Protein backbone atom coordinates (compact mmCIF):
# COMPACT_ATOMS: atom_id res chain seq x y z
CA UNK A 1 32.20 -17.90 -40.52
CA UNK A 2 33.41 -20.39 -37.95
CA UNK A 3 31.33 -23.22 -36.36
CA UNK A 4 31.68 -22.82 -32.60
CA UNK A 5 30.37 -25.20 -29.98
CA UNK A 6 29.99 -24.20 -26.34
CA UNK A 7 29.93 -27.30 -24.06
CA UNK A 8 28.29 -26.31 -20.80
CA UNK A 9 28.78 -28.54 -17.74
CA UNK A 10 27.79 -26.51 -14.60
CA UNK A 11 24.37 -26.33 -12.98
CA UNK A 12 22.19 -23.23 -13.49
CA UNK A 13 22.39 -21.63 -10.09
CA UNK A 14 26.00 -21.83 -9.04
CA UNK A 15 26.34 -18.10 -8.75
CA UNK A 16 26.31 -16.09 -11.94
CA UNK A 17 28.42 -18.55 -13.98
CA UNK A 18 25.64 -20.04 -16.23
CA UNK A 19 24.21 -16.58 -16.83
CA UNK A 20 27.66 -15.16 -17.79
CA UNK A 21 28.34 -18.11 -20.14
CA UNK A 22 25.04 -17.53 -21.99
CA UNK A 23 25.87 -13.87 -22.26
CA UNK A 24 29.27 -14.81 -23.85
CA UNK A 25 27.52 -17.24 -26.19
CA UNK A 26 25.06 -14.59 -27.39
CA UNK A 27 27.86 -12.08 -27.82
CA UNK A 28 29.89 -14.48 -30.01
CA UNK A 29 26.72 -15.29 -32.05
CA UNK A 30 26.07 -11.58 -32.61
CA UNK A 31 29.33 -11.46 -34.60
CA UNK A 32 27.96 -13.78 -37.34
CA UNK A 33 29.48 -16.96 -36.00
CA UNK A 34 27.57 -20.24 -36.27
CA UNK A 35 27.13 -21.06 -32.57
CA UNK A 36 25.76 -24.30 -31.02
CA UNK A 37 25.42 -25.40 -27.39
CA UNK A 38 25.91 -28.81 -25.86
CA UNK A 39 24.73 -29.33 -22.30
CA UNK A 40 26.39 -32.05 -20.29
CA UNK A 41 26.60 -33.26 -16.70
CA UNK A 42 24.76 -30.92 -14.29
CA UNK A 43 24.22 -28.28 -16.95
CA UNK A 44 21.19 -30.29 -18.12
CA UNK A 45 19.42 -28.69 -15.11
CA UNK A 46 19.75 -25.30 -16.88
CA UNK A 47 16.78 -26.25 -19.06
CA UNK A 48 14.67 -28.01 -16.39
CA UNK A 49 11.08 -26.86 -16.18
CA UNK A 50 9.59 -25.15 -13.16
CA UNK A 51 12.61 -23.47 -11.70
CA UNK A 52 12.29 -20.42 -9.46
CA UNK A 53 15.77 -18.79 -9.39
CA UNK A 54 14.26 -15.39 -8.57
CA UNK A 55 13.80 -16.71 -5.00
CA UNK A 56 17.61 -16.85 -4.76
CA UNK A 57 18.09 -13.51 -6.51
CA UNK A 58 19.31 -15.10 -9.77
CA UNK A 59 18.09 -14.73 -13.30
CA UNK A 60 16.07 -17.44 -14.96
CA UNK A 61 18.49 -19.26 -17.36
CA UNK A 62 15.54 -20.90 -19.08
CA UNK A 63 14.40 -17.43 -20.17
CA UNK A 64 17.89 -16.76 -21.60
CA UNK A 65 17.77 -20.02 -23.51
CA UNK A 66 14.39 -18.99 -25.01
CA UNK A 67 16.05 -15.81 -26.37
CA UNK A 68 18.76 -17.76 -28.24
CA UNK A 69 16.89 -17.94 -31.55
CA UNK A 70 17.13 -14.13 -31.76
CA UNK A 71 20.92 -14.72 -32.13
CA UNK A 72 20.39 -17.52 -34.72
CA UNK A 73 21.18 -20.19 -32.13
CA UNK A 74 18.39 -22.61 -32.95
CA UNK A 75 19.66 -25.97 -31.80
CA UNK A 76 20.69 -27.00 -28.32
CA UNK A 77 22.20 -30.45 -27.86
CA UNK A 78 22.11 -32.55 -24.68
CA UNK A 79 24.16 -35.53 -23.78
CA UNK A 80 21.67 -38.35 -23.42
CA UNK A 81 23.34 -40.11 -20.51
CA UNK A 82 23.65 -36.78 -18.53
CA UNK A 83 19.88 -36.52 -18.69
CA UNK A 84 19.30 -40.16 -17.76
CA UNK A 85 21.83 -40.12 -14.86
CA UNK A 86 19.94 -37.20 -13.30
CA UNK A 87 16.56 -38.77 -13.73
CA UNK A 88 15.53 -36.39 -16.53
CA UNK A 89 14.13 -36.79 -20.01
CA UNK A 90 13.57 -34.32 -22.80
CA UNK A 91 9.97 -34.04 -21.51
CA UNK A 92 11.37 -32.50 -18.27
CA UNK A 93 13.07 -29.72 -20.19
CA UNK A 94 11.65 -26.34 -21.00
CA UNK A 95 12.77 -26.39 -24.63
CA UNK A 96 13.51 -29.04 -27.21
CA UNK A 97 17.02 -30.49 -27.50
CA UNK A 98 18.78 -32.85 -29.79
CA UNK A 99 20.11 -35.74 -27.79
CA UNK A 100 23.58 -36.99 -28.44
CA UNK A 101 24.72 -40.40 -27.02
CA UNK A 102 27.94 -40.15 -24.95
CA UNK A 103 29.81 -42.52 -27.25
CA UNK A 104 29.18 -40.14 -30.21
CA UNK A 105 30.42 -36.93 -28.50
CA UNK A 106 33.93 -37.16 -29.93
CA UNK A 107 32.63 -37.50 -33.45
CA UNK A 108 30.11 -34.71 -32.78
CA UNK A 109 32.91 -32.39 -31.73
CA UNK A 110 34.82 -32.86 -35.00
CA UNK A 111 32.16 -30.98 -36.99
CA UNK A 112 33.06 -27.69 -35.21
CA UNK A 113 36.03 -25.39 -35.83
CA UNK A 114 36.23 -24.54 -32.17
CA UNK A 115 34.92 -26.29 -29.06
CA UNK A 116 34.83 -24.19 -25.85
CA UNK A 117 34.09 -25.79 -22.48
CA UNK A 118 32.33 -23.91 -19.76
């Protein structure tokens, strides 16, 4: 089993990109891989509370994140500075995350066999 990290950087409602990435993540996890997710930059908005994407005809990415434990994806990481720079804190997010300081990201990456950016 490989340890795979998906590092997400894009906001939740830039077309279907975020939804498609989450679909890929769940597919990889379904094949008994140890999958983790790191949200950085504008991707931190993917977990922000009180979104209404249905108004724009998009799926709710928060609902998809809630389904991740079914695929044994139990921990989502967030870059601390990405949250702070966007005026967010973990209290603004719909699910709990483990915060990683920006200066520890390189070391964090080394624990994975494969890091995929999206």
